[in-house]
Every structure is written in C-alpha cells, then in structure tokens.
C-alpha atoms as a PDB file:
ATOM      1  CA  MET A   1       8.533  -0.745   9.061  1.00  0.00           C
ATOM      2  CA  ALA A   2       7.897   2.096  11.548  1.00  0.00           C
ATOM      3  CA  LEU A   3      10.460   0.641  13.958  1.00  0.00           C
ATOM      4  CA  ARG A   4      12.924   0.137  11.124  1.00  0.00           C
ATOM      5  CA  ILE A   5      12.633   3.763  10.037  1.00  0.00           C
ATOM      6  CA  LEU A   6      13.041   4.880  13.672  1.00  0.00           C
ATOM      7  CA  ALA A   7      16.192   2.778  13.943  1.00  0.00           C
ATOM      8  CA  LEU A   8      17.617   4.395  10.828  1.00  0.00           C
ATOM      9  CA  LEU A   9      17.055   7.823  12.310  1.00  0.00           C
ATOM     10  CA  VAL A  10      18.782   6.803  15.564  1.00  0.00           C
ATOM     11  CA  VAL A  11      21.705   4.946  13.999  1.00  0.00           C
ATOM     12  CA  PHE A  12      22.428   7.819  11.612  1.00  0.00           C
ATOM     13  CA  PRO A  13      21.615  10.904  13.759  1.00  0.00           C
ATOM     14  CA  LEU A  14      24.020  13.217  11.902  1.00  0.00           C
ATOM     15  CA  VAL A  15      22.899  12.346   8.377  1.00  0.00           C
ATOM     16  CA  SER A  16      21.056  15.065   6.426  1.00  0.00           C
ATOM     17  CA  SER A  17      17.313  14.680   5.843  1.00  0.00           C
ATOM     18  CA  SER A  18      17.845  13.915   2.154  1.00  0.00           C
ATOM     19  CA  ARG A  19      20.263  11.113   2.984  1.00  0.00           C
ATOM     20  CA  VAL A  20      17.930   9.757   5.664  1.00  0.00           C
ATOM     21  CA  ASN A  21      15.141   9.636   3.067  1.00  0.00           C
ATOM     22  CA  ALA A  22      17.500   7.786   0.741  1.00  0.00           C
ATOM     23  CA  HIS A  23      18.234   5.230   3.454  1.00  0.00           C
ATOM     24  CA  VAL A  24      14.528   4.801   4.197  1.00  0.00           C
ATOM     25  CA  LYS A  25      13.810   4.307   0.503  1.00  0.00           C
ATOM     26  CA  ALA A  26      16.634   1.764   0.276  1.00  0.00           C
ATOM     27  CA  VAL A  27      15.127  -0.218   3.140  1.00  0.00           C
ATOM     28  CA  ALA A  28      11.733  -0.006   1.441  1.00  0.00           C
ATOM     29  CA  ASN A  29      13.237  -1.432  -1.747  1.00  0.00           C
ATOM     30  CA  ALA A  30      14.865  -4.196   0.290  1.00  0.00           C
ATOM     31  CA  GLU A  31      11.358  -5.095   1.449  1.00  0.00           C
ATOM     32  CA  GLY A  32      10.401  -5.816  -2.166  1.00  0.00           C
ATOM     33  CA  LEU A  33       8.598  -2.584  -3.063  1.00  0.00           C
ATOM     34  CA  ASP A  34      10.069  -2.374  -6.572  1.00  0.00           C
ATOM     35  CA  ILE A  35       7.478  -2.664  -9.345  1.00  0.00           C
ATOM     36  CA  PRO A  36       8.082  -5.429 -11.940  1.00  0.00           C
ATOM     37  CA  GLN A  37       8.694  -4.161 -15.464  1.00  0.00           C
ATOM     38  CA  GLU A  38       5.621  -6.042 -16.730  1.00  0.00           C
ATOM     39  CA  THR A  39       3.423  -4.099 -14.297  1.00  0.00           C
ATOM     40  CA  LYS A  40       5.035  -0.790 -15.289  1.00  0.00           C
ATOM     41  CA  ASP A  41       4.360  -1.524 -18.964  1.00  0.00           C
ATOM     42  CA  ALA A  42       0.749  -2.442 -18.179  1.00  0.00           C
ATOM     43  CA  LEU A  43       0.212   0.807 -16.238  1.00  0.00           C
ATOM     44  CA  LEU A  44       1.602   2.908 -19.100  1.00  0.00           C
ATOM     45  CA  GLY A  45      -0.507   0.957 -21.592  1.00  0.00           C
ATOM     46  CA  PHE A  46      -3.553   1.638 -19.440  1.00  0.00           C
ATOM     47  CA  LEU A  47      -2.766   5.352 -19.080  1.00  0.00           C
ATOM     48  CA  HIS A  48      -1.602   6.320 -22.572  1.00  0.00           C
ATOM     49  CA  LYS A  49      -2.995   3.698 -24.940  1.00  0.00           C
ATOM     50  CA  LYS A  50      -6.224   2.702 -23.148  1.00  0.00           C
ATOM     51  CA  GLN A  51      -5.321  -0.947 -23.613  1.00  0.00           C
ATOM     52  CA  TYR A  52      -7.293  -2.069 -20.572  1.00  0.00           C
ATOM     53  CA  ARG A  53     -10.469  -1.132 -18.719  1.00  0.00           C
ATOM     54  CA  TYR A  54      -8.785  -1.756 -15.393  1.00  0.00           C
ATOM     55  CA  LEU A  55      -5.832  -3.258 -13.526  1.00  0.00           C
ATOM     56  CA  ILE A  56      -5.672  -4.876 -10.089  1.00  0.00           C
ATOM     57  CA  ILE A  57      -2.202  -4.863  -8.512  1.00  0.00           C
ATOM     58  CA  THR A  58      -1.552  -7.080  -5.502  1.00  0.00           C
ATOM     59  CA  ILE A  59       0.782  -6.077  -2.690  1.00  0.00           C
ATOM     60  CA  PRO A  60       3.546  -6.948  -1.937  1.00  0.00           C
ATOM     61  CA  ASP A  61       4.449  -8.787  -5.179  1.00  0.00           C
ATOM     62  CA  MET A  62       3.115  -5.888  -7.327  1.00  0.00           C
ATOM     63  CA  LYS A  63       1.851  -8.267 -10.003  1.00  0.00           C
ATOM     64  CA  ALA A  64      -1.094  -7.045 -12.068  1.00  0.00           C
ATOM     65  CA  GLN A  65      -4.229  -8.617 -13.475  1.00  0.00           C
ATOM     66  CA  LEU A  66      -5.713  -6.884 -16.488  1.00  0.00           C
ATOM     67  CA  ALA A  67      -9.231  -6.465 -17.832  1.00  0.00           C
ATOM     68  CA  GLY A  68     -10.288  -5.577 -21.380  1.00  0.00           C
ATOM     69  CA  GLU A  69     -12.758  -2.960 -22.594  1.00  0.00           C
ATOM     70  CA  GLU A  70     -15.678  -5.399 -22.256  1.00  0.00           C
ATOM     71  CA  LYS A  71     -15.455  -5.048 -18.462  1.00  0.00           C
ATOM     72  CA  ASN A  72     -17.502  -2.498 -16.520  1.00  0.00           C
ATOM     73  CA  TYR A  73     -17.348  -0.793 -13.141  1.00  0.00           C
ATOM     74  CA  GLU A  74     -19.158  -3.616 -11.325  1.00  0.00           C
ATOM     75  CA  ASP A  75     -16.541  -6.069 -12.607  1.00  0.00           C
ATOM     76  CA  PHE A  76     -13.867  -3.768 -11.203  1.00  0.00           C
ATOM     77  CA  ARG A  77     -15.613  -3.378  -7.835  1.00  0.00           C
ATOM     78  CA  GLN A  78     -16.070  -7.106  -7.356  1.00  0.00           C
ATOM     79  CA  HIS A  79     -12.505  -7.855  -8.442  1.00  0.00           C
ATOM     80  CA  LEU A  80     -10.992  -5.200  -6.168  1.00  0.00           C
ATOM     81  CA  MET A  81     -13.059  -6.284  -3.145  1.00  0.00           C
ATOM     82  CA  SER A  82     -11.910  -9.885  -3.640  1.00  0.00           C
ATOM     83  CA  CYS A  83      -8.290  -8.755  -3.477  1.00  0.00           C
ATOM     84  CA  PRO A  84      -6.172 -10.990  -1.208  1.00  0.00           C
ATOM     85  CA  GLY A  85      -5.196  -8.438   1.412  1.00  0.00           C
ATOM     86  CA  VAL A  86      -4.063  -4.997   0.223  1.00  0.00           C
ATOM     87  CA  CYS A  87      -4.313  -3.952  -3.438  1.00  0.00           C
ATOM     88  CA  ILE A  88      -4.110  -0.984  -5.787  1.00  0.00           C
ATOM     89  CA  GLY A  89      -6.568  -0.685  -8.661  1.00  0.00           C
ATOM     90  CA  ALA A  90      -6.644   1.461 -11.788  1.00  0.00           C
ATOM     91  CA  TYR A  91      -9.944   2.066 -13.613  1.00  0.00           C
ATOM     92  CA  ASP A  92     -10.594   3.984 -16.844  1.00  0.00           C
ATOM     93  CA  PHE A  93     -13.960   5.729 -16.497  1.00  0.00           C
ATOM     94  CA  SER A  94     -15.510   6.250 -19.926  1.00  0.00           C
ATOM     95  CA  TRP A  95     -18.961   7.771 -20.505  1.00  0.00           C
ATOM     96  CA  MET A  96     -21.055  10.036 -22.725  1.00  0.00           C
ATOM     97  CA  ILE A  97     -22.008  13.512 -21.554  1.00  0.00           C
ATOM     98  CA  PRO A  98     -24.767  15.773 -22.948  1.00  0.00           C
ATOM     99  CA  ARG A  99     -23.687  18.635 -25.222  1.00  0.00           C
ATOM    100  CA  GLY A 100     -26.272  20.727 -27.031  1.00  0.00           C
ATOM    101  CA  HIS A 101     -28.588  18.356 -28.869  1.00  0.00           C
ATOM    102  CA  GLY A 102     -26.246  15.376 -28.645  1.00  0.00           C
ATOM    103  CA  THR A 103     -23.508  13.802 -26.557  1.00  0.00           C
ATOM    104  CA  VAL A 104     -19.708  13.747 -26.536  1.00  0.00           C
ATOM    105  CA  PRO A 105     -17.361  11.107 -25.063  1.00  0.00           C
ATOM    106  CA  ALA A 106     -15.498  11.693 -21.818  1.00  0.00           C
ATOM    107  CA  SER A 107     -12.948   9.613 -19.926  1.00  0.00           C
ATOM    108  CA  GLU A 108     -10.772   9.771 -16.822  1.00  0.00           C
ATOM    109  CA  PRO A 109      -8.208   7.269 -15.500  1.00  0.00           C
ATOM    110  CA  VAL A 110      -8.379   6.907 -11.711  1.00  0.00           C
ATOM    111  CA  LEU A 111      -6.339   4.970  -9.151  1.00  0.00           C
ATOM    112  CA  PHE A 112      -7.728   3.289  -6.027  1.00  0.00           C
ATOM    113  CA  THR A 113      -6.239   1.763  -2.890  1.00  0.00           C
ATOM    114  CA  TRP A 114      -8.053  -1.127  -1.237  1.00  0.00           C
ATOM    115  CA  ALA A 115      -7.184  -1.828   2.410  1.00  0.00           C
ATOM    116  CA  PRO A 116     -10.118  -2.898   4.623  1.00  0.00           C
ATOM    117  CA  ASP A 117      -9.841  -2.438   8.388  1.00  0.00           C
ATOM    118  CA  THR A 118      -9.414  -6.188   8.885  1.00  0.00           C
ATOM    119  CA  PRO A 119      -7.904  -8.821   6.556  1.00  0.00           C
ATOM    120  CA  ASN A 120      -9.967 -11.476   4.841  1.00  0.00           C
ATOM    121  CA  PRO A 121     -10.145 -14.354   7.391  1.00  0.00           C
ATOM    122  CA  ASP A 122      -9.919 -16.926   4.584  1.00  0.00           C
ATOM    123  CA  LEU A 123      -6.366 -15.787   3.770  1.00  0.00           C
ATOM    124  CA  GLY A 124      -4.828 -16.797   7.092  1.00  0.00           C
ATOM    125  CA  LEU A 125      -2.977 -13.471   7.211  1.00  0.00           C
ATOM    126  CA  SER A 126      -2.109 -12.309  10.736  1.00  0.00           C
ATOM    127  CA  MET A 127      -3.124  -8.813  11.795  1.00  0.00           C
ATOM    128  CA  SER A 128       0.508  -7.786  12.315  1.00  0.00           C
ATOM    129  CA  LYS A 129       1.483  -8.811   8.769  1.00  0.00           C
ATOM    130  CA  TYR A 130      -1.630  -7.156   7.377  1.00  0.00           C
ATOM    131  CA  MET A 131      -0.928  -3.895   9.226  1.00  0.00           C
ATOM    132  CA  LYS A 132       2.636  -3.965   7.928  1.00  0.00           C
ATOM    133  CA  LEU A 133       1.302  -4.083   4.355  1.00  0.00           C
ATOM    134  CA  LYS A 134      -1.054  -1.167   5.075  1.00  0.00           C
ATOM    135  CA  MET A 135       1.813   0.871   6.537  1.00  0.00           C
ATOM    136  CA  GLN A 136       3.839   0.306   3.365  1.00  0.00           C
ATOM    137  CA  MET A 137       1.028   1.582   1.125  1.00  0.00           C
ATOM    138  CA  PRO A 138       2.489   5.135   0.734  1.00  0.00           C
ATOM    139  CA  PHE A 139       5.674   3.676  -0.784  1.00  0.00           C
ATOM    140  CA  TYR A 140       3.664   1.646  -3.286  1.00  0.00           C
ATOM    141  CA  LYS A 141       1.489   4.644  -4.202  1.00  0.00           C
ATOM    142  CA  ASP A 142       4.534   6.841  -4.822  1.00  0.00           C
ATOM    143  CA  SER A 143       6.225   4.157  -6.921  1.00  0.00           C
ATOM    144  CA  ILE A 144       3.136   3.688  -9.073  1.00  0.00           C
ATOM    145  CA  LYS A 145       2.727   7.441  -9.599  1.00  0.00           C
ATOM    146  CA  GLN A 146       6.359   7.722 -10.683  1.00  0.00           C
ATOM    147  CA  CYS A 147       6.170   4.889 -13.186  1.00  0.00           C
ATOM    148  CA  MET A 148       2.998   6.506 -14.624  1.00  0.00           C
ATOM    149  CA  ASP A 149       4.905   9.681 -15.542  1.00  0.00           C
ATOM    150  CA  ASN A 150       4.154  11.267 -12.144  1.00  0.00           C
ATOM    151  CA  PHE A 151       0.417  10.618 -12.380  1.00  0.00           C
ATOM    152  CA  ASN A 152      -1.487  13.537 -10.822  1.00  0.00           C
ATOM    153  CA  GLY A 153      -5.073  12.340 -11.224  1.00  0.00           C
ATOM    154  CA  ALA A 154      -7.455  11.119  -8.545  1.00  0.00           C
ATOM    155  CA  PHE A 155      -6.127   8.467  -6.143  1.00  0.00           C
ATOM    156  CA  ILE A 156      -9.084   7.322  -4.046  1.00  0.00           C
ATOM    157  CA  GLN A 157      -8.606   5.503  -0.747  1.00  0.00           C
ATOM    158  CA  CYS A 158     -11.187   2.771  -0.120  1.00  0.00           C
ATOM    159  CA  ASN A 159     -11.543   0.722   3.046  1.00  0.00           C
ATOM    160  CA  SER A 160     -15.091  -0.570   2.539  1.00  0.00           C
ATOM    161  CA  GLU A 161     -17.653  -1.343  -0.173  1.00  0.00           C
ATOM    162  CA  ASP A 162     -19.432   1.981   0.487  1.00  0.00           C
ATOM    163  CA  GLU A 163     -16.320   3.859  -0.610  1.00  0.00           C
ATOM    164  CA  LEU A 164     -16.503   2.182  -4.022  1.00  0.00           C
ATOM    165  CA  SER A 165     -20.106   3.332  -4.587  1.00  0.00           C
ATOM    166  CA  PRO A 166     -20.867   5.987  -7.263  1.00  0.00           C
ATOM    167  CA  ASP A 167     -22.141   8.283  -4.488  1.00  0.00           C
ATOM    168  CA  TRP A 168     -18.618   8.396  -3.016  1.00  0.00           C
ATOM    169  CA  VAL A 169     -16.497   8.121  -6.168  1.00  0.00           C
ATOM    170  CA  VAL A 170     -18.125  10.443  -8.721  1.00  0.00           C
ATOM    171  CA  PRO A 171     -17.783  13.660  -6.646  1.00  0.00           C
ATOM    172  CA  LYS A 172     -14.027  12.971  -6.380  1.00  0.00           C
ATOM    173  CA  LEU A 173     -13.479  12.945 -10.152  1.00  0.00           C
ATOM    174  CA  ARG A 174     -12.568  15.906 -12.359  1.00  0.00           C
ATOM    175  CA  GLY A 175     -10.966  17.513  -9.306  1.00  0.00           C
ATOM    176  CA  GLY A 176     -14.373  17.793  -7.644  1.00  0.00           C
ATOM    177  CA  ARG A 177     -15.681  20.163 -10.325  1.00  0.00           C
ATOM    178  CA  MET A 178     -18.676  17.956 -11.177  1.00  0.00           C
ATOM    179  CA  GLY A 179     -20.258  18.545  -7.769  1.00  0.00           C
ATOM    180  CA  SER A 180     -19.495  17.910  -4.108  1.00  0.00           C
ATOM    181  CA  ARG A 181     -22.360  15.409  -3.669  1.00  0.00           C
ATOM    182  CA  ILE A 182     -24.891  13.544  -5.782  1.00  0.00           C
ATOM    183  CA  ALA A 183     -27.680  16.114  -5.354  1.00  0.00           C
ATOM    184  CA  LYS A 184     -25.383  18.834  -6.755  1.00  0.00           C
ATOM    185  CA  LEU A 185     -23.790  16.996  -9.687  1.00  0.00           C
ATOM    186  CA  ASN A 186     -23.600  18.885 -12.969  1.00  0.00           C
ATOM    187  CA  PRO A 187     -24.858  17.189 -16.186  1.00  0.00           C
ATOM    188  CA  GLU A 188     -21.443  15.605 -16.805  1.00  0.00           C
ATOM    189  CA  GLY A 189     -21.308  14.083 -13.329  1.00  0.00           C
ATOM    190  CA  LYS A 190     -24.959  13.035 -13.415  1.00  0.00           C
ATOM    191  CA  ALA A 191     -24.393  11.164 -16.690  1.00  0.00           C
ATOM    192  CA  LEU A 192     -21.499   9.211 -15.185  1.00  0.00           C
ATOM    193  CA  TYR A 193     -23.400   8.542 -11.962  1.00  0.00           C
ATOM    194  CA  ASP A 194     -26.389   7.155 -13.884  1.00  0.00           C
ATOM    195  CA  GLN A 195     -24.129   4.928 -16.008  1.00  0.00           C
ATOM    196  CA  LEU A 196     -22.262   3.476 -13.014  1.00  0.00           C
ATOM    197  CA  THR A 197     -25.518   2.875 -11.146  1.00  0.00           C
ATOM    198  CA  LYS A 198     -26.850   0.872 -14.107  1.00  0.00           C
ATOM    199  CA  GLU A 199     -23.620  -1.139 -14.402  1.00  0.00           C
ATOM    200  CA  ILE A 200     -23.730  -2.055 -10.706  1.00  0.00           C
ATOM    201  CA  ALA A 201     -27.413  -3.030 -10.959  1.00  0.00           C
ATOM    202  CA  GLY A 202     -26.603  -5.214 -13.987  1.00  0.00           C
ATOM    203  CA  GLY A 203     -23.914  -7.103 -12.050  1.00  0.00           C
ATOM    204  CA  SER A 204     -20.529  -8.411 -13.046  1.00  0.00           C
ATOM    205  CA  ASP A 205     -20.312 -10.269 -16.343  1.00  0.00           C
ATOM    206  CA  GLY A 206     -17.923 -12.759 -14.790  1.00  0.00           C
ATOM    207  CA  VAL A 207     -15.411 -12.640 -17.652  1.00  0.00           C
ATOM    208  CA  PRO A 208     -12.026 -13.678 -16.220  1.00  0.00           C
ATOM    209  CA  SER A 209      -9.409 -10.962 -16.169  1.00  0.00           C
ATOM    210  CA  ILE A 210      -6.287 -11.284 -18.282  1.00  0.00           C
ATOM    211  CA  PRO A 211      -3.148 -12.094 -16.238  1.00  0.00           C
ATOM    212  CA  ILE A 212       0.159 -10.673 -17.368  1.00  0.00           C
ATOM    213  CA  PRO A 213       1.982 -13.548 -19.110  1.00  0.00           C
ATOM    214  CA  GLU A 214       4.934 -14.750 -17.073  1.00  0.00           C
ATOM    215  CA  GLU A 215       6.448 -17.089 -19.688  1.00  0.00           C
ATOM    216  CA  PRO A 216       9.732 -15.793 -21.171  1.00  0.00           C
ATOM    217  CA  LYS A 217       9.883 -14.894 -24.846  1.00  0.00           C
ATOM    218  CA  ALA A 218      11.239 -17.626 -27.106  1.00  0.00           C
ATOM    219  CA  ASP A 219      14.199 -15.541 -28.357  1.00  0.00           C
ATOM    220  CA  VAL A 220      15.315 -14.456 -24.909  1.00  0.00           C
ATOM    221  CA  PRO A 221      17.543 -17.077 -23.246  1.00  0.00           C
ATOM    222  CA  GLN A 222      16.991 -17.428 -19.531  1.00  0.00           C
ATOM    223  CA  PRO A 223      20.090 -17.858 -17.342  1.00  0.00           C
ATOM    224  CA  ALA A 224      20.208 -20.951 -15.200  1.00  0.00           C
ATOM    225  CA  LYS A 225      19.355 -20.290 -11.569  1.00  0.00           C
ATOM    226  CA  PRO A 226      22.221 -21.154  -9.210  1.00  0.00           C
ATOM    227  CA  ALA A 227      21.441 -23.834  -6.678  1.00  0.00           C
ATOM    228  CA  LYS A 228      20.755 -22.526  -3.192  1.00  0.00           C
ATOM    229  CA  PRO A 229      23.267 -23.652  -0.560  1.00  0.00           C
ATOM    230  CA  PRO A 230      21.941 -25.753   2.321  1.00  0.00           C
ATOM    231  CA  ALA A 231      20.486 -23.726   5.147  1.00  0.00           C
ATOM    232  CA  SER A 232      23.109 -25.088   7.538  1.00  0.00           C
ATOM    233  CA  SER A 233      25.954 -23.668   5.405  1.00  0.00           C
ATOM    234  CA  LYS A 234      24.835 -20.066   5.916  1.00  0.00           C
ATOM    235  CA  PRO A 235      27.033 -18.326   8.477  1.00  0.00           C
ATOM    236  CA  ALA A 236      25.306 -16.250  11.104  1.00  0.00           C
ATOM    237  CA  PRO A 237      25.526 -12.492  10.405  1.00  0.00           C
ATOM    238  CA  ALA A 238      28.454 -10.965  12.251  1.00  0.00           C
ATOM    239  CA  LYS A 239      27.750  -8.375  14.915  1.00  0.00           C
ATOM    240  CA  PRO A 240      30.034  -5.337  14.930  1.00  0.00           C
ATOM    241  CA  PRO A 241      31.259  -4.247  18.376  1.00  0.00           C
ATOM    242  CA  VAL A 242      28.862  -1.858  20.099  1.00  0.00           C
ATOM    243  CA  GLY A 243      30.063   1.743  20.058  1.00  0.00           C
ATOM    244  CA  ARG A 244      32.337   1.320  17.019  1.00  0.00           C
ATOM    245  CA  PRO A 245      31.405   2.530  13.509  1.00  0.00           C
ATOM    246  CA  MET A 246      30.188  -0.113  11.088  1.00  0.00           C
ATOM    247  CA  SER A 247      32.314  -0.703   7.993  1.00  0.00           C
ATOM    248  CA  GLY A 248      31.362  -2.089   4.630  1.00  0.00           C
ATOM    249  CA  SER A 249      29.151  -1.034   1.735  1.00  0.00           C
ATOM    250  CA  LYS A 250      25.914   0.884   2.185  1.00  0.00           C
ATOM    251  CA  GLU A 251      23.954  -2.244   1.211  1.00  0.00           C
ATOM    252  CA  GLN A 252      25.779  -4.336   3.834  1.00  0.00           C
ATOM    253  CA  ILE A 253      25.076  -1.752   6.521  1.00  0.00           C
ATOM    254  CA  GLU A 254      21.405  -1.527   5.581  1.00  0.00           C
ATOM    255  CA  ASN A 255      21.054  -5.323   5.536  1.00  0.00           C
ATOM    256  CA  PHE A 256      22.651  -5.504   8.971  1.00  0.00           C
ATOM    257  CA  ILE A 257      20.255  -2.852  10.328  1.00  0.00           C
ATOM    258  CA  THR A 258      17.291  -4.733   8.856  1.00  0.00           C
ATOM    259  CA  GLN A 259      18.315  -7.973  10.567  1.00  0.00           C
ATOM    260  CA  MET A 260      19.072  -6.209  13.840  1.00  0.00           C
ATOM    261  CA  VAL A 261      15.749  -4.340  13.925  1.00  0.00           C
ATOM    262  CA  ASP A 262      13.704  -7.422  13.008  1.00  0.00           C
ATOM    263  CA  ARG A 263      15.336  -9.360  15.847  1.00  0.00           C
ATOM    264  CA  ALA A 264      14.812  -6.508  18.307  1.00  0.00           C
ATOM    265  CA  PHE A 265      11.152  -6.099  17.311  1.00  0.00           C
ATOM    266  CA  ASP A 266      10.447  -9.800  17.810  1.00  0.00           C
ATOM    267  CA  GLU A 267      12.067  -9.663  21.253  1.00  0.00           C
ATOM    268  CA  GLU A 268      10.211  -6.535  22.374  1.00  0.00           C
ATOM    269  CA  LYS A 269       6.787  -7.195  20.811  1.00  0.00           C
ATOM    270  CA  ASP A 270       5.301  -8.959  23.843  1.00  0.00           C
ATOM    271  CA  GLN A 271       6.691  -6.313  26.178  1.00  0.00           C
ATOM    272  CA  MET A 272       5.076  -3.566  24.088  1.00  0.00           C
ATOM    273  CA  ILE A 273       1.674  -5.239  24.314  1.00  0.00           C
ATOM    274  CA  GLU A 274       1.860  -5.851  28.071  1.00  0.00           C
ATOM    275  CA  THR A 275       3.258  -2.374  28.769  1.00  0.00           C
ATOM    276  CA  ALA A 276       0.475  -0.733  26.761  1.00  0.00           C
ATOM    277  CA  LYS A 277      -2.233  -2.761  28.566  1.00  0.00           C
ATOM    278  CA  ALA A 278      -0.806  -1.932  32.001  1.00  0.00           C
ATOM    279  CA  ALA A 279      -0.445   1.771  31.197  1.00  0.00           C
ATOM    280  CA  ALA A 280      -4.014   2.020  29.890  1.00  0.00           C
ATOM    281  CA  LYS A 281      -5.422   0.232  32.961  1.00  0.00           C
ATOM    282  CA  ALA A 282      -3.487   2.423  35.389  1.00  0.00           C
ATOM    283  CA  ALA A 283      -4.518   5.634  33.637  1.00  0.00           C
ATOM    284  CA  VAL A 284      -8.209   4.700  33.726  1.00  0.00           C
ATOM    285  CA  GLU A 285      -8.033   3.768  37.417  1.00  0.00           C
ATOM    286  CA  GLN A 286      -6.466   7.125  38.252  1.00  0.00           C
ATOM    287  CA  ARG A 287      -9.046   9.155  36.334  1.00  0.00           C
ATOM    288  CA  PRO A 288     -12.263   7.070  36.270  1.00  0.00           C
ATOM    289  CA  SER A 289     -14.585  10.050  35.816  1.00  0.00           C
ATOM    290  CA  ASP A 290     -12.966  11.320  32.584  1.00  0.00           C
ATOM    291  CA  ASP A 291     -13.194  10.062  29.006  1.00  0.00           C
ATOM    292  CA  ILE A 292     -12.023   6.486  29.556  1.00  0.00           C
ATOM    293  CA  ASP A 293     -11.462   5.685  25.895  1.00  0.00           C
ATOM    294  CA  THR A 294      -9.316   8.761  25.245  1.00  0.00           C
ATOM    295  CA  ILE A 295      -7.273   8.306  28.451  1.00  0.00           C
ATOM    296  CA  ALA A 296      -6.617   4.611  27.777  1.00  0.00           C
ATOM    297  CA  LYS A 297      -5.529   5.208  24.179  1.00  0.00           C
ATOM    298  CA  ALA A 298      -3.218   8.082  25.136  1.00  0.00           C
ATOM    299  CA  ALA A 299      -1.572   6.109  27.938  1.00  0.00           C
ATOM    300  CA  ALA A 300      -1.109   3.027  25.733  1.00  0.00           C
ATOM    301  CA  ARG A 301       0.365   5.133  22.939  1.00  0.00           C
ATOM    302  CA  GLU A 302       2.862   6.819  25.279  1.00  0.00           C
ATOM    303  CA  ALA A 303       3.901   3.451  26.728  1.00  0.00           C
ATOM    304  CA  VAL A 304       4.510   1.947  23.287  1.00  0.00           C
ATOM    305  CA  GLN A 305       6.469   5.023  22.208  1.00  0.00           C
ATOM    306  CA  ALA A 306       8.680   4.650  25.296  1.00  0.00           C
ATOM    307  CA  VAL A 307       9.419   1.016  24.450  1.00  0.00           C
ATOM    308  CA  PHE A 308      10.140   1.980  20.818  1.00  0.00           C
ATOM    309  CA  LYS A 309      12.573   4.646  22.014  1.00  0.00           C
ATOM    310  CA  SER A 310      14.266   2.288  24.457  1.00  0.00           C
ATOM    311  CA  THR A 311      14.635  -0.378  21.767  1.00  0.00           C
ATOM    312  CA  ALA A 312      16.066   2.119  19.275  1.00  0.00           C
ATOM    313  CA  GLU A 313      18.599   3.344  21.848  1.00  0.00           C
ATOM    314  CA  LYS A 314      19.684  -0.255  22.472  1.00  0.00           C
ATOM    315  CA  LEU A 315      20.179  -0.703  18.718  1.00  0.00           C
ATOM    316  CA  ALA A 316      22.323   2.447  18.609  1.00  0.00           C
ATOM    317  CA  GLY A 317      24.448   1.211  21.506  1.00  0.00           C
ATOM    318  CA  LYS A 318      23.441   4.070  23.833  1.00  0.00           C
END
C-alpha cells in the first residue's frame, strides 16, 4: 500500500492534494476497504440502540460478529485476542457509579484496534501480508468512524493482552477525566475498574457470539451470478507507451496503476531486502564504535527509500 500511494504521487505530480487524496482513497476502496451494509447497521445499532454488548469486526472482509447484553468484558477480551489477524472491536461499557447514598447507571461505547506485533502462527499468514493489513488500519478506522456518524469517542489501540487490561483501558475513558492512572481514579473510574476486574477474574461465560445472518430475505430476489470466463480467456492488461498520457476512465487508470505497482513491487522486493542488509552492514563496519542498532536501522531505511524512489521513477517513465 505504501508503494502504491508513492506511485500515485509520482504518476500524478501536478494533481492537487485533494485530488491525490481522492485517488488514494479510490485505491483503498479497490483493495476492499468498503464496509458491508450489514456491518454498518450493526455498528449503528450498537451505538444508538444498545442492541449489542460488543462487536468484533475482522479485516479485510469487515464482517462483524455480535454479542448480546449477557456478555461481559472478559468475553470481549478473549474474543478480540482470538481474532484471526487484525480486527476492530466495539464494546459498550456499562456500570453503576456512586451518587450520594445510592448509585446511578453510566455507560460509554468504545472502539478498539487489535494488531499484535506478529500474526498468529496457526493462521499461516505471511508477515508481509500481515503488515499490509496493519498499514491499512487507518483507512478502516476512518471508515468505521464515518459510518458511526463521525464517532468521536475513545478509539484504543491494542497490540498485546496488557493493553486490554482495566489498568490501561479505564484511564482512557471519559476523555481521561476519571484519572490518569489507577491510583488516581475518581469514584466513577474506581467503580468501573472494580467491575471489570471482577469480570476478568470470573472468566468468559463461553456463550457463542451472534454472527450477522448472511442469508437473503425471502421477499428479496437474488440475481443470478454470471459464470466466470475461463482463466485462459482473459487478455493480458495492455501497457500504454511510456512517456505518453494514459487514456480511459479514472477507474481504468487506477486499475492499471494497481497492476503495474503490484508487478513492480514483486520484482523489486528481493532487491530491497538485499540492499537494506548490505547498507546496514557497511554502515556498522564504518562506524563500529557508535550506536550499532541506530546506525544499521538508519542505513537500511535510506537504502529501502532509494529503491522505492527508483521503482516509482521507473513506473512514471522517468
């Protein structure tokens, strides 16, 4: 995705920033970042009608699994941590806070991202594919916020189990007004912290979550899917002459750029890795007494950037 965005900026150097952003967004949509209508409806039902305790949305298909009010925070934690790869979760915190001689109810819907440093080895997902999903996370977050009426509540990034603990989460709610850390929580924050701690200690109840039904409604006819042509009948994408402007619709141009960048990235990937290794080794040998880790990383980064730039210039016909 980073290389694709770089290619867009090189191929269209005279386009205004707003139009560049539109092109980038179009490429993102071509990658399948659109949210299904069923997921949008579930998010709005969660936010406005409190129909669910939580949702878990998998990336990149953006399908949601739902959980009813009988679920608790430990159910949510376990479900989110078992996510296959990268996921976004939505949880409705609901608790009682002390007021005078009694208590009053409080609630707050919160969104979470789940993207551990390494993918689950049981999934068979390569690191490059996993990193691509992580890099696309900002697009997914923005899309979800928009379909939730520009949601402006807490959106907590979690890369490990510790970042789903009450110690980490509670101080981030209510805009941080309940206290910056557990020792300084006000009565409202302390009540929520105590409740979540008890729910985690009690464990998950194991009730299966409710998947969004995928069957079509009986009164809605479904159009027949056209048969796919044999793979051999697909013509190879035509290459426009280098140095001449591309013609055709915006979608055709963007599809061509996508194919061209994917091919270029596959061709240059090995070179990037070898170039980065060689640059890091040479830099360390030249300055052995300095901070080896910092020098190696800087040299590798500069080498990869140079290959990215060279590849982008080739794509632009320079």
